[in-house]
Amino acid sequence: MDAIPAPKSKFITIKCQDCGNEQTAFDKPATHVKCHVCGATLIRPTGGKGEVRGELLGEVQ
């Protein structure tokens, strides 16, 4: 019996460059991910992995 493959997508923690807020988001977003505090765009969708515009702090385990 074959094992179930691990997903290639993940959740990441990003720090906003404008206000310093840290938040968790999906690394392959379908829409723009905006900062909850100041509204700056943190991740821009590209059809696959998103373009991270904030500081990438790490993956959520």
PDB file of N, CA and C in Angstrom:
ATOM      1  N   MET A   1       0.838  -1.181   0.000  1.00  0.00           N
ATOM      2  CA  MET A   1       0.000   0.000   0.000  1.00  0.00           C
ATOM      3  C   MET A   1       0.887   1.250   0.000  1.00  0.00           C
ATOM      4  N   ASP A   2       0.588   2.206  -0.871  1.00  0.00           N
ATOM      5  CA  ASP A   2       1.380   3.428  -0.992  1.00  0.00           C
ATOM      6  C   ASP A   2       1.013   4.413   0.108  1.00  0.00           C
ATOM      7  N   ALA A   3       2.024   5.122   0.572  1.00  0.00           N
ATOM      8  CA  ALA A   3       1.801   6.162   1.578  1.00  0.00           C
ATOM      9  C   ALA A   3       1.203   7.398   0.907  1.00  0.00           C
ATOM     10  N   ILE A   4       0.466   8.166   1.655  1.00  0.00           N
ATOM     11  CA  ILE A   4      -0.111   9.406   1.144  1.00  0.00           C
ATOM     12  C   ILE A   4       1.013  10.436   1.042  1.00  0.00           C
ATOM     13  N   PRO A   5       1.187  11.066  -0.129  1.00  0.00           N
ATOM     14  CA  PRO A   5       2.274  12.041  -0.269  1.00  0.00           C
ATOM     15  C   PRO A   5       2.039  13.290   0.588  1.00  0.00           C
ATOM     16  N   ALA A   6       3.115  13.873   1.054  1.00  0.00           N
ATOM     17  CA  ALA A   6       3.024  15.097   1.858  1.00  0.00           C
ATOM     18  C   ALA A   6       2.646  16.270   0.959  1.00  0.00           C
ATOM     19  N   PRO A   7       1.867  17.209   1.449  1.00  0.00           N
ATOM     20  CA  PRO A   7       1.505  18.374   0.631  1.00  0.00           C
ATOM     21  C   PRO A   7       2.720  19.252   0.350  1.00  0.00           C
ATOM     22  N   LYS A   8       2.725  19.886  -0.815  1.00  0.00           N
ATOM     23  CA  LYS A   8       3.841  20.755  -1.196  1.00  0.00           C
ATOM     24  C   LYS A   8       3.633  22.187  -0.727  1.00  0.00           C
ATOM     25  N   SER A   9       2.408  22.528  -0.375  1.00  0.00           N
ATOM     26  CA  SER A   9       2.117  23.874   0.104  1.00  0.00           C
ATOM     27  C   SER A   9       2.172  23.898   1.630  1.00  0.00           C
ATOM     28  N   LYS A  10       2.323  25.103   2.177  1.00  0.00           N
ATOM     29  CA  LYS A  10       2.453  25.229   3.630  1.00  0.00           C
ATOM     30  C   LYS A  10       1.997  26.614   4.087  1.00  0.00           C
ATOM     31  N   PHE A  11       1.888  26.750   5.381  1.00  0.00           N
ATOM     32  CA  PHE A  11       1.601  28.056   5.974  1.00  0.00           C
ATOM     33  C   PHE A  11       2.926  28.685   6.380  1.00  0.00           C
ATOM     34  N   ILE A  12       3.030  29.998   6.206  1.00  0.00           N
ATOM     35  CA  ILE A  12       4.258  30.716   6.533  1.00  0.00           C
ATOM     36  C   ILE A  12       3.932  31.899   7.438  1.00  0.00           C
ATOM     37  N   THR A  13       4.920  32.333   8.210  1.00  0.00           N
ATOM     38  CA  THR A  13       4.785  33.516   9.050  1.00  0.00           C
ATOM     39  C   THR A  13       5.544  34.651   8.373  1.00  0.00           C
ATOM     40  N   ILE A  14       4.870  35.785   8.238  1.00  0.00           N
ATOM     41  CA  ILE A  14       5.416  36.944   7.540  1.00  0.00           C
ATOM     42  C   ILE A  14       5.380  38.159   8.453  1.00  0.00           C
ATOM     43  N   LYS A  15       6.405  38.996   8.355  1.00  0.00           N
ATOM     44  CA  LYS A  15       6.458  40.252   9.108  1.00  0.00           C
ATOM     45  C   LYS A  15       6.259  41.403   8.128  1.00  0.00           C
ATOM     46  N   CYS A  16       5.323  42.281   8.440  1.00  0.00           N
ATOM     47  CA  CYS A  16       5.042  43.443   7.598  1.00  0.00           C
ATOM     48  C   CYS A  16       6.228  44.410   7.647  1.00  0.00           C
ATOM     49  N   GLN A  17       6.660  44.874   6.479  1.00  0.00           N
ATOM     50  CA  GLN A  17       7.778  45.815   6.417  1.00  0.00           C
ATOM     51  C   GLN A  17       7.377  47.211   6.877  1.00  0.00           C
ATOM     52  N   ASP A  18       6.087  47.544   6.796  1.00  0.00           N
ATOM     53  CA  ASP A  18       5.637  48.885   7.160  1.00  0.00           C
ATOM     54  C   ASP A  18       5.427  49.058   8.665  1.00  0.00           C
ATOM     55  N   CYS A  19       4.719  48.086   9.299  1.00  0.00           N
ATOM     56  CA  CYS A  19       4.367  48.285  10.709  1.00  0.00           C
ATOM     57  C   CYS A  19       4.976  47.238  11.653  1.00  0.00           C
ATOM     58  N   GLY A  20       5.584  46.173  11.118  1.00  0.00           N
ATOM     59  CA  GLY A  20       6.219  45.164  11.971  1.00  0.00           C
ATOM     60  C   GLY A  20       5.279  44.086  12.480  1.00  0.00           C
ATOM     61  N   ASN A  21       4.010  44.103  12.058  1.00  0.00           N
ATOM     62  CA  ASN A  21       3.047  43.086  12.481  1.00  0.00           C
ATOM     63  C   ASN A  21       3.433  41.725  11.896  1.00  0.00           C
ATOM     64  N   GLU A  22       3.321  40.668  12.705  1.00  0.00           N
ATOM     65  CA  GLU A  22       3.584  39.309  12.235  1.00  0.00           C
ATOM     66  C   GLU A  22       2.255  38.590  12.081  1.00  0.00           C
ATOM     67  N   GLN A  23       2.082  37.879  10.951  1.00  0.00           N
ATOM     68  CA  GLN A  23       0.873  37.096  10.756  1.00  0.00           C
ATOM     69  C   GLN A  23       1.182  35.864   9.917  1.00  0.00           C
ATOM     70  N   THR A  24       0.295  34.875  10.009  1.00  0.00           N
ATOM     71  CA  THR A  24       0.445  33.614   9.311  1.00  0.00           C
ATOM     72  C   THR A  24      -0.455  33.606   8.089  1.00  0.00           C
ATOM     73  N   ALA A  25       0.058  33.092   6.962  1.00  0.00           N
ATOM     74  CA  ALA A  25      -0.713  33.049   5.726  1.00  0.00           C
ATOM     75  C   ALA A  25      -0.310  31.807   4.929  1.00  0.00           C
ATOM     76  N   PHE A  26      -1.132  31.452   3.938  1.00  0.00           N
ATOM     77  CA  PHE A  26      -0.879  30.339   3.043  1.00  0.00           C
ATOM     78  C   PHE A  26       0.143  30.777   2.002  1.00  0.00           C
ATOM     79  N   ASP A  27       1.090  29.901   1.640  1.00  0.00           N
ATOM     80  CA  ASP A  27       2.142  30.315   0.706  1.00  0.00           C
ATOM     81  C   ASP A  27       1.693  30.316  -0.758  1.00  0.00           C
ATOM     82  N   LYS A  28       0.502  29.758  -1.049  1.00  0.00           N
ATOM     83  CA  LYS A  28      -0.041  29.779  -2.407  1.00  0.00           C
ATOM     84  C   LYS A  28      -1.423  30.431  -2.388  1.00  0.00           C
ATOM     85  N   PRO A  29      -1.485  31.741  -2.141  1.00  0.00           N
ATOM     86  CA  PRO A  29      -2.786  32.399  -1.995  1.00  0.00           C
ATOM     87  C   PRO A  29      -3.481  32.627  -3.341  1.00  0.00           C
ATOM     88  N   ALA A  30      -4.800  32.619  -3.326  1.00  0.00           N
ATOM     89  CA  ALA A  30      -5.598  32.916  -4.515  1.00  0.00           C
ATOM     90  C   ALA A  30      -5.883  34.412  -4.621  1.00  0.00           C
ATOM     91  N   THR A  31      -5.770  35.129  -3.500  1.00  0.00           N
ATOM     92  CA  THR A  31      -6.005  36.574  -3.479  1.00  0.00           C
ATOM     93  C   THR A  31      -4.853  37.253  -2.739  1.00  0.00           C
ATOM     94  N   HIS A  32      -4.786  38.570  -2.830  1.00  0.00           N
ATOM     95  CA  HIS A  32      -3.756  39.325  -2.126  1.00  0.00           C
ATOM     96  C   HIS A  32      -3.911  39.128  -0.616  1.00  0.00           C
ATOM     97  N   VAL A  33      -2.798  38.922   0.070  1.00  0.00           N
ATOM     98  CA  VAL A  33      -2.802  38.826   1.532  1.00  0.00           C
ATOM     99  C   VAL A  33      -2.351  40.172   2.052  1.00  0.00           C
ATOM    100  N   LYS A  34      -3.214  40.819   2.831  1.00  0.00           N
ATOM    101  CA  LYS A  34      -2.916  42.152   3.347  1.00  0.00           C
ATOM    102  C   LYS A  34      -2.676  42.103   4.850  1.00  0.00           C
ATOM    103  N   CYS A  35      -1.879  43.039   5.343  1.00  0.00           N
ATOM    104  CA  CYS A  35      -1.594  43.168   6.768  1.00  0.00           C
ATOM    105  C   CYS A  35      -2.879  43.543   7.496  1.00  0.00           C
ATOM    106  N   HIS A  36      -3.129  42.882   8.628  1.00  0.00           N
ATOM    107  CA  HIS A  36      -4.342  43.165   9.401  1.00  0.00           C
ATOM    108  C   HIS A  36      -4.275  44.525  10.096  1.00  0.00           C
ATOM    109  N   VAL A  37      -3.082  45.055  10.300  1.00  0.00           N
ATOM    110  CA  VAL A  37      -2.925  46.313  11.029  1.00  0.00           C
ATOM    111  C   VAL A  37      -2.941  47.523  10.084  1.00  0.00           C
ATOM    112  N   CYS A  38      -2.050  47.512   9.078  1.00  0.00           N
ATOM    113  CA  CYS A  38      -1.921  48.709   8.236  1.00  0.00           C
ATOM    114  C   CYS A  38      -2.475  48.544   6.817  1.00  0.00           C
ATOM    115  N   GLY A  39      -2.778  47.319   6.401  1.00  0.00           N
ATOM    116  CA  GLY A  39      -3.362  47.102   5.088  1.00  0.00           C
ATOM    117  C   GLY A  39      -2.367  46.944   3.950  1.00  0.00           C
ATOM    118  N   ALA A  40      -1.072  46.915   4.232  1.00  0.00           N
ATOM    119  CA  ALA A  40      -0.065  46.744   3.187  1.00  0.00           C
ATOM    120  C   ALA A  40      -0.145  45.319   2.626  1.00  0.00           C
ATOM    121  N   THR A  41       0.185  45.148   1.351  1.00  0.00           N
ATOM    122  CA  THR A  41       0.167  43.830   0.729  1.00  0.00           C
ATOM    123  C   THR A  41       1.388  43.029   1.183  1.00  0.00           C
ATOM    124  N   LEU A  42       1.146  41.831   1.748  1.00  0.00           N
ATOM    125  CA  LEU A  42       2.224  40.963   2.218  1.00  0.00           C
ATOM    126  C   LEU A  42       2.576  39.883   1.208  1.00  0.00           C
ATOM    127  N   ILE A  43       1.552  39.322   0.538  1.00  0.00           N
ATOM    128  CA  ILE A  43       1.785  38.303  -0.482  1.00  0.00           C
ATOM    129  C   ILE A  43       0.893  38.610  -1.677  1.00  0.00           C
ATOM    130  N   ARG A  44       1.500  38.566  -2.861  1.00  0.00           N
ATOM    131  CA  ARG A  44       0.761  38.805  -4.105  1.00  0.00           C
ATOM    132  C   ARG A  44       0.617  37.462  -4.826  1.00  0.00           C
ATOM    133  N   PRO A  45      -0.609  37.077  -5.237  1.00  0.00           N
ATOM    134  CA  PRO A  45      -0.789  35.798  -5.921  1.00  0.00           C
ATOM    135  C   PRO A  45      -0.136  35.814  -7.302  1.00  0.00           C
ATOM    136  N   THR A  46       0.422  34.670  -7.703  1.00  0.00           N
ATOM    137  CA  THR A  46       1.090  34.572  -9.000  1.00  0.00           C
ATOM    138  C   THR A  46       0.606  33.370  -9.807  1.00  0.00           C
ATOM    139  N   GLY A  47      -0.382  32.641  -9.310  1.00  0.00           N
ATOM    140  CA  GLY A  47      -0.849  31.442  -9.985  1.00  0.00           C
ATOM    141  C   GLY A  47      -0.228  30.186  -9.406  1.00  0.00           C
ATOM    142  N   GLY A  48       0.755  30.336  -8.569  1.00  0.00           N
ATOM    143  CA  GLY A  48       1.426  29.241  -7.870  1.00  0.00           C
ATOM    144  C   GLY A  48       1.825  29.768  -6.513  1.00  0.00           C
ATOM    145  N   LYS A  49       3.110  29.651  -6.197  1.00  0.00           N
ATOM    146  CA  LYS A  49       3.587  30.236  -4.938  1.00  0.00           C
ATOM    147  C   LYS A  49       3.479  31.745  -5.031  1.00  0.00           C
ATOM    148  N   GLY A  50       3.024  32.354  -3.956  1.00  0.00           N
ATOM    149  CA  GLY A  50       2.847  33.798  -3.951  1.00  0.00           C
ATOM    150  C   GLY A  50       4.164  34.546  -3.836  1.00  0.00           C
ATOM    151  N   GLU A  51       4.166  35.780  -4.316  1.00  0.00           N
ATOM    152  CA  GLU A  51       5.343  36.656  -4.199  1.00  0.00           C
ATOM    153  C   GLU A  51       5.283  37.335  -2.839  1.00  0.00           C
ATOM    154  N   VAL A  52       6.217  36.975  -1.957  1.00  0.00           N
ATOM    155  CA  VAL A  52       6.246  37.521  -0.601  1.00  0.00           C
ATOM    156  C   VAL A  52       6.865  38.903  -0.643  1.00  0.00           C
ATOM    157  N   ARG A  53       6.137  39.890  -0.133  1.00  0.00           N
ATOM    158  CA  ARG A  53       6.636  41.268  -0.111  1.00  0.00           C
ATOM    159  C   ARG A  53       7.071  41.700   1.280  1.00  0.00           C
ATOM    160  N   GLY A  54       6.684  40.941   2.287  1.00  0.00           N
ATOM    161  CA  GLY A  54       7.141  41.221   3.648  1.00  0.00           C
ATOM    162  C   GLY A  54       8.369  40.375   3.950  1.00  0.00           C
ATOM    163  N   GLU A  55       8.753  40.344   5.194  1.00  0.00           N
ATOM    164  CA  GLU A  55       9.913  39.532   5.621  1.00  0.00           C
ATOM    165  C   GLU A  55       9.422  38.144   6.017  1.00  0.00           C
ATOM    166  N   LEU A  56       9.930  37.124   5.359  1.00  0.00           N
ATOM    167  CA  LEU A  56       9.551  35.743   5.644  1.00  0.00           C
ATOM    168  C   LEU A  56      10.290  35.294   6.904  1.00  0.00           C
ATOM    169  N   LEU A  57       9.511  34.944   7.942  1.00  0.00           N
ATOM    170  CA  LEU A  57      10.107  34.553   9.223  1.00  0.00           C
ATOM    171  C   LEU A  57      10.242  33.049   9.363  1.00  0.00           C
ATOM    172  N   GLY A  58       9.439  32.268   8.657  1.00  0.00           N
ATOM    173  CA  GLY A  58       9.554  30.823   8.736  1.00  0.00           C
ATOM    174  C   GLY A  58       8.266  30.118   8.388  1.00  0.00           C
ATOM    175  N   GLU A  59       8.331  28.788   8.438  1.00  0.00           N
ATOM    176  CA  GLU A  59       7.174  27.941   8.146  1.00  0.00           C
ATOM    177  C   GLU A  59       6.487  27.543   9.456  1.00  0.00           C
ATOM    178  N   VAL A  60       5.184  27.385   9.396  1.00  0.00           N
ATOM    179  CA  VAL A  60       4.423  26.914  10.541  1.00  0.00           C
ATOM    180  C   VAL A  60       4.449  25.385  10.508  1.00  0.00           C
ATOM    181  N   GLN A  61       4.837  24.785  11.606  1.00  0.00           N
ATOM    182  CA  GLN A  61       4.945  23.320  11.658  1.00  0.00           C
ATOM    183  C   GLN A  61       3.652  22.683  12.032  1.00  0.00           C
TER     184      GLN A  61
END
